Amino acid sequence: MTIHRMNTGHSIPRPALSRGIFALLLLPLVATCDRPYDGPPVTGHDSAGVRIVEAHVPVWTDSTAWRLDPEPVLDLHALGPADAYTFFRIRGMRRLGDGTLAVANSGTGEIRLFSELGDHIASVGGQGEGPGEFGRLEGIELVGDSIFALDSDGDIAVFGPAPDPTHVRTMSLHYVKVRSLHSLDDGTLVVPTITSEPPPAAPGIVRTPHALLRLDLDGALVDSIGTAAGGEEYTDNVSFSGTPLFPRESIVDSRNGRIYYGSADLMEVRELGPDGELLRVLRIPDYPLELSEELVEAERHERLGSVPPMLRQAIQSLPAPATRPAYRDMLVDPTGAIWLRPFEGITEGGTPLDWQVIDADGTWLGGVTVPTNVRIWDIGVDEVLGSWIDELGQQHPLVFRLRRGGVGAGG
């Protein structure tokens, strides 16, 4: 299979999570050192009651590294040409407990279900305003054998049970703007929601916080457990606001009853309990994030070519960041290993990408090479679910075999 290219700043520090924030302020920053590191690969200590784990070097060797098979074991689009195998704006993939594969196809507002061999079983949802329909399907999450699906207006539609689910109920959360859904395996969900803040007093880059809310499975608020840094936006405080160069975005995921959060300022992930209590900080302290002036200006030039003349001065005035975001995405697999997708600018890409993996104990394992421009939606013990766009603009939901070596949980 040939995989083709998919079209796809200094940040202002903000409180990362309201609970444990004073402890975080006491955590020392580790300066980058030019000398080769010759100590143990992982060190740990406690600071203000929080466990800090620092991984200094990757530990995988050629014989112990995890690998994806270069060719997918399943390409749903290739099984067409029926409509069920034509995809547009995929917004998620999940493997249900009975082996059924669910694909969120936002282009039609459907959740399509397939057997392990790729046979189409059923489709639920659709575009519209009726029960179980979507204005714009934004993502899916599994809760037991039920599928929770997020609409752009804040509604959460519940379908179950698999493998032939029907619409059970819809929860309306119009009072907040929900970004994603994450199950905590205890009958609750954690959802990052966009908050509102007064406009900044001066031009610059701002990050509007995301409130982390814990909901029960009927959509009722259980607790407000903290705030996340949110995404970066540049404003000149007059007429322009937009995405800065190399923008940072906070990422949230959950697994095994824990919440994982990262601001992408550093190669660092914070692990929280379901009540928002900070349990651990996992970091790679000396991971290189520096940006060259040439790369920043290439990024600016690319942006200038895609905006109307009236916005070019605003793009020219965007500040030049010294470092790139530490990662663009984060997923936690069933073993507790944390997968971090390195950030690529719009002038980068076009080559396979090494997702960096931190084991459940904080060890930096190394990189798993993902084929060029494949977007990963979920990671299992022995498979990776992803999608890519071919040269004709067709989207392909893919299943890759994951082979874990002898080092790391599940290896």
Protein backbone atom coordinates (compact mmCIF):
# COMPACT_ATOMS: atom_id res chain seq x y z
CA MET A 1 0.00 0.00 0.00
CA THR A 2 1.28 3.44 -0.93
CA ILE A 3 0.23 6.09 1.55
CA HIS A 4 0.08 9.65 0.30
CA ARG A 5 0.20 12.98 2.01
CA MET A 6 -2.91 13.92 3.95
CA ASN A 7 -4.02 17.54 3.92
CA THR A 8 -4.72 18.02 7.09
CA GLY A 9 5.12 30.39 19.87
CA HIS A 10 5.90 31.12 23.03
CA SER A 11 2.90 30.27 25.12
CA ILE A 12 1.60 32.29 28.01
CA PRO A 13 1.77 29.98 31.05
CA ARG A 14 -1.61 29.24 32.59
CA PRO A 15 -2.73 27.04 35.47
CA ALA A 16 -2.74 23.49 34.17
CA LEU A 17 -5.11 21.98 36.74
CA SER A 18 -6.67 23.78 39.66
CA ARG A 19 -6.17 20.90 42.08
CA GLY A 20 -2.53 20.36 42.86
CA ILE A 21 -1.52 23.61 41.15
CA PHE A 22 0.51 24.83 44.11
CA ALA A 23 2.40 21.55 44.13
CA LEU A 24 3.13 21.95 40.42
CA LEU A 25 4.54 25.42 40.98
CA LEU A 26 7.14 23.85 43.24
CA LEU A 27 8.29 21.35 40.64
CA PRO A 28 11.77 22.22 39.34
CA LEU A 29 12.30 22.84 35.68
CA VAL A 30 15.12 20.80 34.19
CA ALA A 31 17.55 22.75 32.06
CA THR A 32 18.67 21.24 28.80
CA CYS A 33 22.20 19.91 29.03
CA ASP A 34 24.57 19.60 26.07
CA ARG A 35 26.56 16.75 27.64
CA PRO A 36 25.48 13.15 26.91
CA TYR A 37 23.40 11.69 29.71
CA ASP A 38 25.19 8.82 31.46
CA GLY A 39 22.89 8.15 34.42
CA PRO A 40 20.00 5.70 34.88
CA PRO A 41 17.33 5.82 32.15
CA VAL A 42 14.58 6.67 34.65
CA THR A 43 14.68 8.64 37.89
CA GLY A 44 11.89 9.47 40.30
CA HIS A 45 11.24 11.59 43.36
CA ASP A 46 8.36 13.06 45.31
CA SER A 47 7.63 16.78 45.32
CA ALA A 48 4.86 18.23 47.48
CA GLY A 49 3.19 14.83 47.60
CA VAL A 50 3.31 14.27 43.83
CA ARG A 51 5.41 11.53 42.24
CA ILE A 52 7.71 12.93 39.52
CA VAL A 53 9.11 10.40 37.04
CA GLU A 54 11.76 11.59 34.59
CA ALA A 55 12.82 9.44 31.64
CA HIS A 56 16.17 10.50 30.20
CA VAL A 57 16.88 8.08 27.35
CA PRO A 58 14.82 5.58 25.33
CA VAL A 59 15.44 1.96 26.32
CA TRP A 60 14.27 -0.01 23.29
CA THR A 61 16.77 -1.87 21.15
CA ASP A 62 16.15 -3.22 17.64
CA SER A 63 15.10 -6.55 19.12
CA THR A 64 12.77 -5.19 21.83
CA ALA A 65 11.07 -2.27 20.06
CA TRP A 66 7.38 -2.32 19.24
CA ARG A 67 6.48 -2.13 15.56
CA LEU A 68 3.51 -1.72 13.27
CA ASP A 69 3.31 -4.00 10.28
CA PRO A 70 3.94 -1.82 7.21
CA GLU A 71 0.71 -2.94 5.52
CA PRO A 72 -2.72 -2.80 7.22
CA VAL A 73 -4.52 -6.06 7.92
CA LEU A 74 -7.80 -4.33 7.05
CA ASP A 75 -8.67 -1.40 4.77
CA LEU A 76 -12.42 -0.83 4.89
CA HIS A 77 -12.55 1.48 1.88
CA ALA A 78 -10.85 -1.17 -0.26
CA LEU A 79 -13.79 -3.51 0.43
CA GLY A 80 -16.24 -1.17 -1.42
CA PRO A 81 -17.75 0.15 -3.64
CA ALA A 82 -20.95 0.09 -1.56
CA ASP A 83 -21.88 3.35 0.20
CA ALA A 84 -21.05 1.80 3.58
CA TYR A 85 -17.38 1.67 2.49
CA THR A 86 -17.19 5.29 1.32
CA PHE A 87 -16.01 7.59 4.10
CA PHE A 88 -15.78 11.34 4.55
CA ARG A 89 -14.64 13.26 7.64
CA ILE A 90 -13.86 10.29 9.88
CA ARG A 91 -14.00 11.42 13.51
CA GLY A 92 -13.14 8.25 15.41
CA MET A 93 -12.67 4.49 15.40
CA ARG A 94 -13.20 2.05 18.27
CA ARG A 95 -13.02 -1.73 18.72
CA LEU A 96 -15.95 -3.06 20.75
CA GLY A 97 -15.60 -5.94 23.18
CA ASP A 98 -17.15 -8.47 20.79
CA GLY A 99 -14.71 -7.52 18.02
CA THR A 100 -17.06 -5.17 16.18
CA LEU A 101 -15.30 -2.15 14.64
CA ALA A 102 -17.11 1.21 14.95
CA VAL A 103 -16.27 4.10 12.61
CA ALA A 104 -17.64 7.61 13.16
CA ASN A 105 -18.27 9.03 9.67
CA SER A 106 -19.11 12.69 10.22
CA GLY A 107 -19.71 13.30 6.52
CA THR A 108 -23.00 11.39 6.78
CA GLY A 109 -23.48 11.66 10.54
CA GLU A 110 -23.34 7.87 10.82
CA ILE A 111 -21.65 5.42 13.13
CA ARG A 112 -20.91 2.42 10.95
CA LEU A 113 -20.25 -1.01 12.42
CA PHE A 114 -18.20 -3.74 10.78
CA SER A 115 -17.20 -7.30 11.64
CA GLU A 116 -13.59 -8.20 12.31
CA LEU A 117 -13.31 -9.22 8.64
CA GLY A 118 -14.81 -5.92 7.47
CA ASP A 119 -18.38 -6.98 6.69
CA HIS A 120 -20.82 -4.12 7.18
CA ILE A 121 -23.19 -4.98 10.04
CA ALA A 122 -25.22 -1.82 10.61
CA SER A 123 -25.21 1.97 10.56
CA VAL A 124 -26.85 4.20 13.17
CA GLY A 125 -27.35 7.93 13.43
CA GLY A 126 -27.49 10.12 10.35
CA GLN A 127 -27.66 13.83 9.70
CA GLY A 128 -30.68 15.71 10.99
CA GLU A 129 -32.43 16.92 14.12
CA GLY A 130 -34.32 13.77 15.05
CA PRO A 131 -33.58 11.33 17.89
CA GLY A 132 -30.12 9.84 17.46
CA GLU A 133 -29.24 12.15 14.55
CA PHE A 134 -26.42 14.68 14.36
CA GLY A 135 -25.82 18.17 13.09
CA ARG A 136 -22.11 17.36 12.95
CA LEU A 137 -20.76 14.17 14.51
CA GLU A 138 -17.58 15.05 16.43
CA GLY A 139 -16.43 11.79 18.02
CA ILE A 140 -17.28 8.55 19.79
CA GLU A 141 -16.38 6.83 23.05
CA LEU A 142 -17.12 3.34 24.37
CA VAL A 143 -18.79 2.82 27.74
CA GLY A 144 -19.16 -0.92 28.24
CA ASP A 145 -20.97 -2.24 25.17
CA SER A 146 -22.58 1.14 24.44
CA ILE A 147 -21.40 3.87 22.08
CA PHE A 148 -21.53 7.49 23.26
CA ALA A 149 -21.44 9.92 20.32
CA LEU A 150 -20.79 13.66 20.56
CA ASP A 151 -22.63 16.18 18.39
CA SER A 152 -21.27 19.64 17.67
CA ASP A 153 -24.14 21.28 19.58
CA GLY A 154 -23.21 19.51 22.83
CA ASP A 155 -25.70 16.64 22.61
CA ILE A 156 -24.42 13.16 23.47
CA ALA A 157 -26.37 10.33 21.80
CA VAL A 158 -26.15 6.86 23.33
CA PHE A 159 -26.43 3.71 21.21
CA GLY A 160 -26.40 0.14 22.48
CA PRO A 161 -25.90 -2.67 22.83
CA ALA A 162 -23.46 -3.93 20.19
CA PRO A 163 -23.22 -5.46 17.64
CA ASP A 164 -26.56 -4.09 16.36
CA PRO A 165 -27.10 -1.00 18.50
CA THR A 166 -30.16 1.21 18.56
CA HIS A 167 -30.58 4.75 19.84
CA VAL A 168 -31.18 4.60 23.60
CA ARG A 169 -31.25 8.26 24.66
CA THR A 170 -29.73 11.67 24.01
CA MET A 171 -28.23 13.89 26.69
CA SER A 172 -28.29 17.64 26.03
CA LEU A 173 -25.32 19.62 27.31
CA HIS A 174 -26.08 22.91 25.60
CA TYR A 175 -24.82 24.83 28.62
CA VAL A 176 -21.22 23.90 27.78
CA LYS A 177 -19.12 23.37 24.66
CA VAL A 178 -17.81 19.80 24.97
CA ARG A 179 -14.59 19.02 23.08
CA SER A 180 -14.35 15.25 23.59
CA LEU A 181 -15.64 12.31 25.65
CA HIS A 182 -13.55 10.06 27.91
CA SER A 183 -14.86 7.13 29.95
CA LEU A 184 -13.55 6.58 33.48
CA ASP A 185 -14.84 2.97 33.71
CA ASP A 186 -16.83 3.76 36.87
CA GLY A 187 -20.08 4.98 35.36
CA THR A 188 -18.80 8.51 34.76
CA LEU A 189 -17.28 10.51 31.92
CA VAL A 190 -14.69 13.28 31.96
CA VAL A 191 -15.25 15.98 29.35
CA PRO A 192 -13.04 19.00 28.55
CA THR A 193 -15.27 22.01 27.89
CA ILE A 194 -14.42 25.40 26.43
CA THR A 195 -14.75 28.26 28.90
CA SER A 196 -15.05 31.99 28.31
CA GLU A 197 -12.63 34.66 29.50
CA PRO A 198 -12.47 38.44 29.18
CA PRO A 199 -10.38 39.65 26.22
CA PRO A 200 -6.66 40.07 26.91
CA ALA A 201 -5.39 43.48 27.93
CA ALA A 202 -2.56 43.49 25.37
CA PRO A 203 -1.80 41.86 22.02
CA GLY A 204 -0.22 38.44 22.17
CA ILE A 205 -0.82 34.72 22.46
CA VAL A 206 -3.48 33.57 24.88
CA ARG A 207 -4.82 30.18 25.93
CA THR A 208 -8.50 30.01 26.87
CA PRO A 209 -8.81 27.39 29.62
CA HIS A 210 -10.84 24.22 29.27
CA ALA A 211 -12.87 23.18 32.29
CA LEU A 212 -12.69 19.46 33.10
CA LEU A 213 -16.13 18.22 34.10
CA ARG A 214 -17.08 14.80 35.41
CA LEU A 215 -20.55 13.65 34.31
CA ASP A 216 -22.67 10.62 35.07
CA LEU A 217 -24.00 8.53 32.19
CA ASP A 218 -27.23 10.56 32.10
CA GLY A 219 -25.28 13.79 31.56
CA ALA A 220 -25.68 15.16 35.10
CA LEU A 221 -22.72 17.03 36.56
CA VAL A 222 -20.88 14.99 39.21
CA ASP A 223 -18.00 17.38 39.84
CA SER A 224 -15.84 20.08 38.31
CA ILE A 225 -12.37 18.64 38.69
CA GLY A 226 -10.07 21.33 37.32
CA THR A 227 -9.00 23.34 34.30
CA ALA A 228 -6.69 22.58 31.39
CA ALA A 229 -4.62 25.14 29.52
CA GLY A 230 -6.62 25.01 26.27
CA GLY A 231 -5.37 25.98 22.83
CA GLU A 232 -3.24 28.93 21.79
CA GLU A 233 -4.69 31.86 19.88
CA TYR A 234 -3.03 35.08 18.77
CA THR A 235 -4.86 38.40 18.96
CA ASP A 236 -3.71 41.90 18.02
CA ASN A 237 -6.45 43.24 20.29
CA VAL A 238 -7.88 45.26 17.39
CA SER A 239 -9.21 43.34 14.41
CA PHE A 240 -7.38 40.02 14.12
CA SER A 241 -7.38 36.81 16.06
CA GLY A 242 -6.23 33.48 14.73
CA THR A 243 -3.92 30.51 15.03
CA PRO A 244 -0.29 31.36 15.86
CA LEU A 245 2.74 29.69 14.33
CA PHE A 246 3.32 26.22 15.82
CA PRO A 247 0.28 26.42 18.13
CA ARG A 248 0.02 24.44 21.34
CA GLU A 249 -3.16 22.60 22.30
CA SER A 250 -3.95 20.76 25.52
CA ILE A 251 -4.79 17.06 25.17
CA VAL A 252 -6.90 14.83 27.46
CA ASP A 253 -7.32 11.06 27.42
CA SER A 254 -8.42 8.41 29.93
CA ARG A 255 -7.69 4.76 30.57
CA ASN A 256 -8.23 2.33 33.42
CA GLY A 257 -9.97 4.90 35.61
CA ARG A 258 -7.23 7.52 35.28
CA ILE A 259 -7.16 10.86 33.45
CA TYR A 260 -4.12 11.90 31.42
CA TYR A 261 -3.53 15.52 30.56
CA GLY A 262 -0.82 17.44 28.73
CA SER A 263 -0.42 21.09 27.72
CA ALA A 264 2.26 20.33 25.05
CA ASP A 265 4.55 23.00 26.54
CA LEU A 266 6.99 20.27 27.57
CA MET A 267 7.37 16.57 26.83
CA GLU A 268 5.30 15.93 29.92
CA VAL A 269 2.03 14.21 30.84
CA ARG A 270 0.13 14.49 34.12
CA GLU A 271 -1.83 11.57 35.52
CA LEU A 272 -4.89 12.32 37.65
CA GLY A 273 -7.42 10.38 39.64
CA PRO A 274 -11.12 10.58 38.76
CA ASP A 275 -11.57 13.42 41.28
CA GLY A 276 -8.87 15.51 39.59
CA GLU A 277 -6.17 14.81 42.18
CA LEU A 278 -2.70 14.99 40.63
CA LEU A 279 -1.04 11.60 41.11
CA ARG A 280 2.06 11.63 38.91
CA VAL A 281 3.99 13.78 36.47
CA LEU A 282 5.73 11.84 33.69
CA ARG A 283 8.28 13.76 31.66
CA ILE A 284 11.20 13.53 29.26
CA PRO A 285 13.12 16.58 30.52
CA ASP A 286 15.66 17.11 27.72
CA TYR A 287 13.54 16.27 24.70
CA PRO A 288 14.63 18.65 21.88
CA LEU A 289 11.95 21.17 20.91
CA GLU A 290 14.00 24.07 19.52
CA LEU A 291 12.89 25.72 16.28
CA SER A 292 15.26 27.25 13.75
CA GLU A 293 14.57 30.70 12.33
CA GLU A 294 14.49 29.16 8.86
CA LEU A 295 11.74 26.71 9.78
CA VAL A 296 9.65 29.39 11.48
CA GLU A 297 9.90 31.68 8.46
CA ALA A 298 9.09 28.80 6.09
CA GLU A 299 5.97 28.20 8.15
CA ARG A 300 5.06 31.88 7.97
CA HIS A 301 5.62 31.91 4.19
CA GLU A 302 3.34 28.90 3.77
CA ARG A 303 0.62 30.62 5.80
CA LEU A 304 0.97 33.80 3.72
CA GLY A 305 0.24 31.86 0.56
CA SER A 306 -3.10 30.61 1.88
CA VAL A 307 -4.70 33.82 3.21
CA PRO A 308 -6.37 36.76 1.45
CA PRO A 309 -4.31 39.97 1.08
CA MET A 310 -6.19 41.70 3.92
CA LEU A 311 -4.79 39.19 6.42
CA ARG A 312 -1.18 39.10 5.25
CA GLN A 313 -0.02 41.87 7.57
CA ALA A 314 -1.49 39.98 10.51
CA ILE A 315 0.40 36.83 9.51
CA GLN A 316 3.60 38.86 9.13
CA SER A 317 3.16 40.14 12.69
CA LEU A 318 2.73 36.71 14.30
CA PRO A 319 5.47 36.19 16.90
CA ALA A 320 8.22 33.69 16.13
CA PRO A 321 8.23 30.89 18.71
CA ALA A 322 11.54 29.56 19.99
CA THR A 323 10.22 26.02 20.54
CA ARG A 324 7.65 23.77 18.92
CA PRO A 325 4.79 22.08 20.80
CA ALA A 326 6.02 18.90 22.44
CA TYR A 327 3.28 16.82 20.82
CA ARG A 328 0.13 17.11 18.75
CA ASP A 329 -1.84 14.17 20.08
CA MET A 330 -1.82 11.73 22.99
CA LEU A 331 -3.40 8.30 23.34
CA VAL A 332 -3.16 5.85 26.24
CA ASP A 333 -3.32 2.16 25.35
CA PRO A 334 -4.88 -0.63 27.49
CA THR A 335 -1.54 -1.38 29.20
CA GLY A 336 -1.23 2.22 30.42
CA ALA A 337 1.49 3.13 27.91
CA ILE A 338 1.24 6.74 26.72
CA TRP A 339 1.69 7.40 23.00
CA LEU A 340 2.69 10.94 21.97
CA ARG A 341 2.54 12.14 18.38
CA PRO A 342 5.32 14.68 17.68
CA PHE A 343 4.12 18.03 16.37
CA GLU A 344 4.68 18.76 12.69
CA GLY A 345 4.31 22.18 11.12
CA ILE A 346 2.44 22.67 7.87
CA THR A 347 5.74 22.72 5.95
CA GLU A 348 6.86 19.44 7.51
CA GLY A 349 5.47 15.95 7.06
CA GLY A 350 5.37 13.66 4.08
CA THR A 351 7.42 11.00 5.86
CA PRO A 352 6.68 8.29 8.44
CA LEU A 353 6.34 9.67 11.96
CA ASP A 354 7.74 8.17 15.16
CA TRP A 355 5.19 8.34 17.97
CA GLN A 356 7.09 8.43 21.27
CA VAL A 357 5.93 5.90 23.88
CA ILE A 358 6.20 6.28 27.65
CA ASP A 359 5.50 3.05 29.53
CA ALA A 360 3.04 2.85 32.42
CA ASP A 361 5.91 3.11 34.93
CA GLY A 362 7.31 6.25 33.27
CA THR A 363 10.07 4.60 31.24
CA TRP A 364 10.70 6.22 27.86
CA LEU A 365 10.52 3.20 25.60
CA GLY A 366 11.23 4.83 22.23
CA GLY A 367 9.42 5.53 18.99
CA VAL A 368 6.89 3.48 17.02
CA THR A 369 6.99 4.35 13.33
CA VAL A 370 3.55 5.16 11.91
CA PRO A 371 3.11 5.26 8.11
CA THR A 372 3.08 8.65 6.45
CA ASN A 373 0.07 10.81 7.32
CA VAL A 374 -1.89 8.08 9.04
CA ARG A 375 -4.05 9.53 11.81
CA ILE A 376 -4.33 7.20 14.79
CA TRP A 377 -7.74 7.01 16.50
CA ASP A 378 -7.23 4.22 19.02
CA ILE A 379 -4.59 1.75 20.17
CA GLY A 380 -5.24 -1.77 21.40
CA VAL A 381 -2.97 -4.42 22.83
CA ASP A 382 -2.15 -5.86 19.41
CA GLU A 383 -3.60 -3.38 16.90
CA VAL A 384 -3.73 0.28 15.95
CA LEU A 385 -6.84 1.86 14.39
CA GLY A 386 -6.21 4.74 12.02
CA SER A 387 -7.17 6.42 8.77
CA TRP A 388 -5.54 8.14 5.81
CA ILE A 389 -6.61 9.98 2.64
CA ASP A 390 -5.57 8.74 -0.79
CA GLU A 391 -4.66 10.84 -3.83
CA LEU A 392 -8.33 10.98 -4.87
CA GLY A 393 -9.41 12.35 -1.51
CA GLN A 394 -10.98 9.06 -0.36
CA GLN A 395 -10.64 8.21 3.33
CA HIS A 396 -9.50 4.74 4.34
CA PRO A 397 -10.22 3.36 7.84
CA LEU A 398 -7.31 1.03 8.58
CA VAL A 399 -6.35 -1.64 11.09
CA PHE A 400 -2.61 -2.20 11.61
CA ARG A 401 -1.11 -5.12 13.51
CA LEU A 402 0.97 -3.95 16.51
CA ARG A 403 3.87 -6.19 17.49
CA ARG A 404 5.17 -5.54 20.99
CA GLY A 405 8.74 -6.54 21.73
CA GLY A 406 10.11 -7.70 25.05
CA VAL A 407 10.34 -4.34 26.83
CA GLY A 408 7.31 -2.43 28.08
CA ALA A 409 3.88 -3.38 29.39
CA GLY A 410 2.28 -5.92 27.10
CA GLY A 411 5.63 -6.79 25.53
